[in-house]
C-alpha atoms as a PDB file:
ATOM      1  CA  UNK A   1     -48.927  69.478 -35.607  1.00  0.00           C
ATOM      2  CA  UNK A   2     -47.149  66.813 -33.839  1.00  0.00           C
ATOM      3  CA  UNK A   3     -46.274  65.700 -30.683  1.00  0.00           C
ATOM      4  CA  UNK A   4     -42.369  65.986 -31.185  1.00  0.00           C
ATOM      5  CA  UNK A   5     -42.896  69.818 -32.794  1.00  0.00           C
ATOM      6  CA  UNK A   6     -45.369  70.604 -29.782  1.00  0.00           C
ATOM      7  CA  UNK A   7     -43.003  69.961 -27.623  1.00  0.00           C
ATOM      8  CA  UNK A   8     -40.100  71.461 -29.131  1.00  0.00           C
ATOM      9  CA  UNK A   9     -42.236  74.856 -29.101  1.00  0.00           C
ATOM     10  CA  UNK A  10     -42.274  74.698 -25.148  1.00  0.00           C
ATOM     11  CA  UNK A  11     -40.112  76.788 -22.628  1.00  0.00           C
ATOM     12  CA  UNK A  12     -37.536  75.272 -20.488  1.00  0.00           C
ATOM     13  CA  UNK A  13     -39.890  76.172 -17.535  1.00  0.00           C
ATOM     14  CA  UNK A  14     -42.622  74.492 -19.340  1.00  0.00           C
ATOM     15  CA  UNK A  15     -41.035  71.325 -19.923  1.00  0.00           C
ATOM     16  CA  UNK A  16     -40.546  71.330 -16.242  1.00  0.00           C
ATOM     17  CA  UNK A  17     -44.048  72.001 -15.789  1.00  0.00           C
ATOM     18  CA  UNK A  18     -45.175  68.879 -17.405  1.00  0.00           C
ATOM     19  CA  UNK A  19     -41.966  66.651 -16.600  1.00  0.00           C
ATOM     20  CA  UNK A  20     -43.676  63.794 -14.247  1.00  0.00           C
ATOM     21  CA  UNK A  21     -42.699  63.979 -10.395  1.00  0.00           C
ATOM     22  CA  UNK A  22     -40.563  61.148 -10.247  1.00  0.00           C
ATOM     23  CA  UNK A  23     -38.224  61.941 -13.136  1.00  0.00           C
ATOM     24  CA  UNK A  24     -37.739  65.410 -12.037  1.00  0.00           C
ATOM     25  CA  UNK A  25     -36.355  63.880  -8.064  1.00  0.00           C
ATOM     26  CA  UNK A  26     -34.653  61.223 -10.017  1.00  0.00           C
ATOM     27  CA  UNK A  27     -32.927  64.371 -12.360  1.00  0.00           C
ATOM     28  CA  UNK A  28     -32.106  66.424  -9.086  1.00  0.00           C
ATOM     29  CA  UNK A  29     -31.226  63.213  -7.226  1.00  0.00           C
ATOM     30  CA  UNK A  30     -28.395  62.373  -9.783  1.00  0.00           C
ATOM     31  CA  UNK A  31     -27.290  65.937 -10.118  1.00  0.00           C
ATOM     32  CA  UNK A  32     -26.799  66.230  -6.220  1.00  0.00           C
ATOM     33  CA  UNK A  33     -25.076  62.636  -6.658  1.00  0.00           C
ATOM     34  CA  UNK A  34     -23.080  64.132  -9.562  1.00  0.00           C
ATOM     35  CA  UNK A  35     -21.991  67.262  -7.400  1.00  0.00           C
ATOM     36  CA  UNK A  36     -20.842  65.139  -4.321  1.00  0.00           C
ATOM     37  CA  UNK A  37     -19.084  62.911  -6.594  1.00  0.00           C
ATOM     38  CA  UNK A  38     -17.512  65.693  -8.107  1.00  0.00           C
ATOM     39  CA  UNK A  39     -16.389  67.596  -4.693  1.00  0.00           C
ATOM     40  CA  UNK A  40     -15.031  64.485  -3.592  1.00  0.00           C
ATOM     41  CA  UNK A  41     -12.535  63.665  -6.710  1.00  0.00           C
ATOM     42  CA  UNK A  42     -11.762  67.017  -6.570  1.00  0.00           C
ATOM     43  CA  UNK A  43     -10.918  67.082  -2.604  1.00  0.00           C
ATOM     44  CA  UNK A  44      -9.084  63.498  -3.835  1.00  0.00           C
ATOM     45  CA  UNK A  45      -7.024  64.910  -5.935  1.00  0.00           C
ATOM     46  CA  UNK A  46      -6.259  67.880  -3.798  1.00  0.00           C
ATOM     47  CA  UNK A  47      -4.869  65.353  -1.031  1.00  0.00           C
ATOM     48  CA  UNK A  48      -2.389  63.463  -3.210  1.00  0.00           C
ATOM     49  CA  UNK A  49      -0.794  66.954  -3.707  1.00  0.00           C
ATOM     50  CA  UNK A  50      -0.567  67.056   0.036  1.00  0.00           C
ATOM     51  CA  UNK A  51       0.932  63.542   0.394  1.00  0.00           C
ATOM     52  CA  UNK A  52       4.056  62.070  -0.140  1.00  0.00           C
ATOM     53  CA  UNK A  53       4.981  58.320  -2.037  1.00  0.00           C
ATOM     54  CA  UNK A  54       1.729  56.482  -2.149  1.00  0.00           C
ATOM     55  CA  UNK A  55       1.958  52.960  -1.982  1.00  0.00           C
ATOM     56  CA  UNK A  56      -1.578  51.544  -2.474  1.00  0.00           C
ATOM     57  CA  UNK A  57      -2.518  48.971  -4.414  1.00  0.00           C
ATOM     58  CA  UNK A  58      -5.451  48.577  -6.076  1.00  0.00           C
ATOM     59  CA  UNK A  59      -7.199  44.938  -5.863  1.00  0.00           C
ATOM     60  CA  UNK A  60      -6.434  43.745  -9.274  1.00  0.00           C
ATOM     61  CA  UNK A  61     -10.462  42.601  -8.837  1.00  0.00           C
ATOM     62  CA  UNK A  62     -11.739  46.079  -9.324  1.00  0.00           C
ATOM     63  CA  UNK A  63     -10.812  45.440 -12.933  1.00  0.00           C
ATOM     64  CA  UNK A  64     -13.086  42.292 -13.291  1.00  0.00           C
ATOM     65  CA  UNK A  65     -15.832  44.110 -11.765  1.00  0.00           C
ATOM     66  CA  UNK A  66     -15.275  47.260 -14.281  1.00  0.00           C
ATOM     67  CA  UNK A  67     -15.953  44.939 -17.083  1.00  0.00           C
ATOM     68  CA  UNK A  68     -19.208  43.190 -14.957  1.00  0.00           C
ATOM     69  CA  UNK A  69     -20.781  46.307 -14.665  1.00  0.00           C
ATOM     70  CA  UNK A  70     -19.724  47.510 -18.387  1.00  0.00           C
ATOM     71  CA  UNK A  71     -21.391  44.007 -19.334  1.00  0.00           C
ATOM     72  CA  UNK A  72     -24.741  44.775 -17.303  1.00  0.00           C
ATOM     73  CA  UNK A  73     -24.718  48.233 -18.892  1.00  0.00           C
ATOM     74  CA  UNK A  74     -24.663  46.758 -21.969  1.00  0.00           C
ATOM     75  CA  UNK A  75     -27.317  44.331 -21.407  1.00  0.00           C
ATOM     76  CA  UNK A  76     -29.834  46.929 -19.528  1.00  0.00           C
ATOM     77  CA  UNK A  77     -29.630  49.565 -22.365  1.00  0.00           C
ATOM     78  CA  UNK A  78     -32.668  47.907 -24.778  1.00  0.00           C
ATOM     79  CA  UNK A  79     -34.957  47.224 -22.011  1.00  0.00           C
ATOM     80  CA  UNK A  80     -37.029  50.106 -22.984  1.00  0.00           C
ATOM     81  CA  UNK A  81     -37.499  49.285 -26.519  1.00  0.00           C
ATOM     82  CA  UNK A  82     -38.117  45.363 -25.483  1.00  0.00           C
ATOM     83  CA  UNK A  83     -41.072  46.591 -23.547  1.00  0.00           C
ATOM     84  CA  UNK A  84     -42.140  48.933 -26.015  1.00  0.00           C
ATOM     85  CA  UNK A  85     -42.117  46.173 -29.045  1.00  0.00           C
ATOM     86  CA  UNK A  86     -44.056  43.802 -25.944  1.00  0.00           C
ATOM     87  CA  UNK A  87     -40.727  41.149 -26.490  1.00  0.00           C
ATOM     88  CA  UNK A  88     -41.352  39.827 -23.265  1.00  0.00           C
ATOM     89  CA  UNK A  89     -39.014  37.018 -23.271  1.00  0.00           C
ATOM     90  CA  UNK A  90     -35.965  39.225 -24.384  1.00  0.00           C
ATOM     91  CA  UNK A  91     -36.923  42.112 -21.988  1.00  0.00           C
ATOM     92  CA  UNK A  92     -37.234  39.562 -19.060  1.00  0.00           C
ATOM     93  CA  UNK A  93     -33.899  37.922 -20.020  1.00  0.00           C
ATOM     94  CA  UNK A  94     -31.603  41.210 -20.067  1.00  0.00           C
ATOM     95  CA  UNK A  95     -33.415  42.256 -16.821  1.00  0.00           C
ATOM     96  CA  UNK A  96     -32.388  38.779 -15.135  1.00  0.00           C
ATOM     97  CA  UNK A  97     -29.136  39.048 -16.935  1.00  0.00           C
ATOM     98  CA  UNK A  98     -28.090  42.290 -15.811  1.00  0.00           C
ATOM     99  CA  UNK A  99     -29.443  41.531 -11.977  1.00  0.00           C
ATOM    100  CA  UNK A 100     -27.100  38.606 -12.097  1.00  0.00           C
ATOM    101  CA  UNK A 101     -24.229  40.630 -13.511  1.00  0.00           C
ATOM    102  CA  UNK A 102     -24.996  43.195 -10.774  1.00  0.00           C
ATOM    103  CA  UNK A 103     -24.210  40.718  -8.160  1.00  0.00           C
ATOM    104  CA  UNK A 104     -21.396  39.374  -9.395  1.00  0.00           C
ATOM    105  CA  UNK A 105     -20.021  43.166  -9.250  1.00  0.00           C
ATOM    106  CA  UNK A 106     -21.488  43.275  -5.768  1.00  0.00           C
ATOM    107  CA  UNK A 107     -19.047  40.204  -5.122  1.00  0.00           C
ATOM    108  CA  UNK A 108     -16.516  41.589  -6.584  1.00  0.00           C
ATOM    109  CA  UNK A 109     -16.431  44.960  -4.823  1.00  0.00           C
ATOM    110  CA  UNK A 110     -16.459  42.487  -1.550  1.00  0.00           C
ATOM    111  CA  UNK A 111     -13.283  40.783  -1.977  1.00  0.00           C
ATOM    112  CA  UNK A 112     -11.912  43.988  -3.123  1.00  0.00           C
ATOM    113  CA  UNK A 113     -12.598  46.035  -0.078  1.00  0.00           C
ATOM    114  CA  UNK A 114     -11.630  42.363   1.794  1.00  0.00           C
ATOM    115  CA  UNK A 115      -8.039  42.590  -0.202  1.00  0.00           C
ATOM    116  CA  UNK A 116      -7.708  46.528   0.742  1.00  0.00           C
ATOM    117  CA  UNK A 117      -8.737  45.680   4.580  1.00  0.00           C
ATOM    118  CA  UNK A 118      -5.870  42.986   5.040  1.00  0.00           C
ATOM    119  CA  UNK A 119      -3.503  44.726   3.223  1.00  0.00           C
ATOM    120  CA  UNK A 120      -4.341  47.904   6.017  1.00  0.00           C
ATOM    121  CA  UNK A 121      -4.993  50.787   3.448  1.00  0.00           C
ATOM    122  CA  UNK A 122      -8.446  51.122   4.510  1.00  0.00           C
ATOM    123  CA  UNK A 123      -7.343  51.721   8.592  1.00  0.00           C
ATOM    124  CA  UNK A 124      -4.018  53.804   6.571  1.00  0.00           C
ATOM    125  CA  UNK A 125      -2.884  57.212   7.940  1.00  0.00           C
ATOM    126  CA  UNK A 126      -2.794  58.557   4.511  1.00  0.00           C
ATOM    127  CA  UNK A 127      -5.672  60.722   3.490  1.00  0.00           C
ATOM    128  CA  UNK A 128      -6.186  59.141  -0.364  1.00  0.00           C
ATOM    129  CA  UNK A 129      -6.738  56.024   1.392  1.00  0.00           C
ATOM    130  CA  UNK A 130      -9.622  57.547   3.433  1.00  0.00           C
ATOM    131  CA  UNK A 131     -10.987  58.861  -0.204  1.00  0.00           C
ATOM    132  CA  UNK A 132     -10.742  55.846  -2.111  1.00  0.00           C
ATOM    133  CA  UNK A 133     -12.721  53.909   1.208  1.00  0.00           C
ATOM    134  CA  UNK A 134     -15.349  56.925   1.633  1.00  0.00           C
ATOM    135  CA  UNK A 135     -15.743  56.910  -2.393  1.00  0.00           C
ATOM    136  CA  UNK A 136     -16.220  53.628  -3.038  1.00  0.00           C
ATOM    137  CA  UNK A 137     -18.556  52.914  -0.302  1.00  0.00           C
ATOM    138  CA  UNK A 138     -20.737  55.705  -1.190  1.00  0.00           C
ATOM    139  CA  UNK A 139     -20.639  54.704  -5.090  1.00  0.00           C
ATOM    140  CA  UNK A 140     -21.961  50.809  -3.376  1.00  0.00           C
ATOM    141  CA  UNK A 141     -24.802  52.358  -1.811  1.00  0.00           C
ATOM    142  CA  UNK A 142     -25.643  54.243  -4.978  1.00  0.00           C
ATOM    143  CA  UNK A 143     -25.440  50.801  -6.617  1.00  0.00           C
ATOM    144  CA  UNK A 144     -27.056  48.876  -3.955  1.00  0.00           C
ATOM    145  CA  UNK A 145     -30.218  50.955  -4.071  1.00  0.00           C
ATOM    146  CA  UNK A 146     -30.579  51.110  -8.063  1.00  0.00           C
ATOM    147  CA  UNK A 147     -29.988  46.709  -7.625  1.00  0.00           C
ATOM    148  CA  UNK A 148     -32.964  46.319  -5.496  1.00  0.00           C
ATOM    149  CA  UNK A 149     -35.120  48.734  -7.120  1.00  0.00           C
ATOM    150  CA  UNK A 150     -33.862  46.258 -10.377  1.00  0.00           C
ATOM    151  CA  UNK A 151     -34.984  43.277  -8.660  1.00  0.00           C
ATOM    152  CA  UNK A 152     -38.613  45.075  -7.564  1.00  0.00           C
ATOM    153  CA  UNK A 153     -38.909  45.812 -11.260  1.00  0.00           C
ATOM    154  CA  UNK A 154     -37.972  41.912 -12.614  1.00  0.00           C
ATOM    155  CA  UNK A 155     -40.903  40.758 -10.170  1.00  0.00           C
ATOM    156  CA  UNK A 156     -43.273  43.415 -11.793  1.00  0.00           C
ATOM    157  CA  UNK A 157     -42.471  42.624 -15.030  1.00  0.00           C
ATOM    158  CA  UNK A 158     -42.966  38.648 -14.853  1.00  0.00           C
ATOM    159  CA  UNK A 159     -46.056  39.618 -13.125  1.00  0.00           C
ATOM    160  CA  UNK A 160     -47.632  41.361 -15.792  1.00  0.00           C
ATOM    161  CA  UNK A 161     -46.222  38.910 -18.326  1.00  0.00           C
ATOM    162  CA  UNK A 162     -48.476  36.443 -17.072  1.00  0.00           C
ATOM    163  CA  UNK A 163     -51.530  37.744 -18.152  1.00  0.00           C
ATOM    164  CA  UNK A 164     -51.716  39.753 -21.811  1.00  0.00           C
ATOM    165  CA  UNK A 165     -54.716  41.871 -20.464  1.00  0.00           C
ATOM    166  CA  UNK A 166     -51.827  43.621 -17.636  1.00  0.00           C
ATOM    167  CA  UNK A 167     -49.104  43.585 -20.071  1.00  0.00           C
ATOM    168  CA  UNK A 168     -51.263  45.349 -22.244  1.00  0.00           C
ATOM    169  CA  UNK A 169     -52.629  47.890 -19.682  1.00  0.00           C
ATOM    170  CA  UNK A 170     -48.734  48.254 -18.398  1.00  0.00           C
ATOM    171  CA  UNK A 171     -47.600  49.202 -22.144  1.00  0.00           C
ATOM    172  CA  UNK A 172     -49.985  52.179 -22.442  1.00  0.00           C
ATOM    173  CA  UNK A 173     -49.313  53.485 -19.344  1.00  0.00           C
ATOM    174  CA  UNK A 174     -46.323  56.278 -19.473  1.00  0.00           C
ATOM    175  CA  UNK A 175     -44.715  55.482 -15.745  1.00  0.00           C
ATOM    176  CA  UNK A 176     -44.355  52.153 -16.631  1.00  0.00           C
ATOM    177  CA  UNK A 177     -42.237  53.222 -19.387  1.00  0.00           C
ATOM    178  CA  UNK A 178     -40.871  55.803 -17.197  1.00  0.00           C
ATOM    179  CA  UNK A 179     -39.938  52.980 -14.968  1.00  0.00           C
ATOM    180  CA  UNK A 180     -37.978  51.663 -17.540  1.00  0.00           C
ATOM    181  CA  UNK A 181     -35.867  54.529 -18.691  1.00  0.00           C
ATOM    182  CA  UNK A 182     -35.360  55.844 -15.265  1.00  0.00           C
ATOM    183  CA  UNK A 183     -33.506  52.667 -14.230  1.00  0.00           C
ATOM    184  CA  UNK A 184     -31.282  52.280 -17.438  1.00  0.00           C
ATOM    185  CA  UNK A 185     -30.463  55.557 -16.909  1.00  0.00           C
ATOM    186  CA  UNK A 186     -29.284  55.096 -13.455  1.00  0.00           C
ATOM    187  CA  UNK A 187     -27.473  52.177 -14.931  1.00  0.00           C
ATOM    188  CA  UNK A 188     -25.463  53.741 -17.571  1.00  0.00           C
ATOM    189  CA  UNK A 189     -24.698  56.554 -14.513  1.00  0.00           C
ATOM    190  CA  UNK A 190     -23.627  54.203 -11.993  1.00  0.00           C
ATOM    191  CA  UNK A 191     -21.313  52.343 -14.124  1.00  0.00           C
ATOM    192  CA  UNK A 192     -19.732  55.629 -16.152  1.00  0.00           C
ATOM    193  CA  UNK A 193     -19.140  56.989 -12.341  1.00  0.00           C
ATOM    194  CA  UNK A 194     -17.306  53.496 -11.000  1.00  0.00           C
ATOM    195  CA  UNK A 195     -15.449  53.932 -14.279  1.00  0.00           C
ATOM    196  CA  UNK A 196     -13.852  57.080 -13.509  1.00  0.00           C
ATOM    197  CA  UNK A 197     -13.473  56.152  -9.993  1.00  0.00           C
ATOM    198  CA  UNK A 198     -11.430  53.007 -11.001  1.00  0.00           C
ATOM    199  CA  UNK A 199      -9.150  54.800 -13.647  1.00  0.00           C
ATOM    200  CA  UNK A 200      -8.672  57.890 -11.076  1.00  0.00           C
ATOM    201  CA  UNK A 201      -7.390  55.436  -8.229  1.00  0.00           C
ATOM    202  CA  UNK A 202      -5.272  53.141 -11.318  1.00  0.00           C
ATOM    203  CA  UNK A 203      -3.614  56.173 -12.704  1.00  0.00           C
ATOM    204  CA  UNK A 204      -3.060  58.376  -9.363  1.00  0.00           C
ATOM    205  CA  UNK A 205      -2.748  56.167  -6.682  1.00  0.00           C
END
């Protein structure tokens, strides 16, 4: 009986018990963040019905930031397969491109907030403007945490890439595989979340 068949026979609670603690924490964090954003988005939509004409102009630079985070999500997607295939050069290239695209996204966010501040949107008495500030700011905190960890993972990957023995030990260590899987899922989550936020702002504001 192969491993896949054995896993399929396990009950839900048995799978949870065998789950790596970091993966469990990641899943719970993802669920918690999703609930927070869902609540804030619901409150944002509810606030729209209580306001009159809204004259909030979403900065065009947010469109560029959407493209950049989408491109970075595409770049980070194959890193686990590259790690398993021992394609070290391609792995580092994908990680570095993702990191720099992330820097571009962060720069666009800063420019967007600057434009909002100059138009006095962030200091408006409108409730919808407050939600715009809270939602983008909360996403920025999540992104900062993921981007910082990505930089740390690049440093670790560069370190093991210089020594074939270290790389072999890492490649046979399930924890290393988990690192690439989790950062990929977290990055996709942030990309999808930002897409939902910016579409909501453009459509309803």
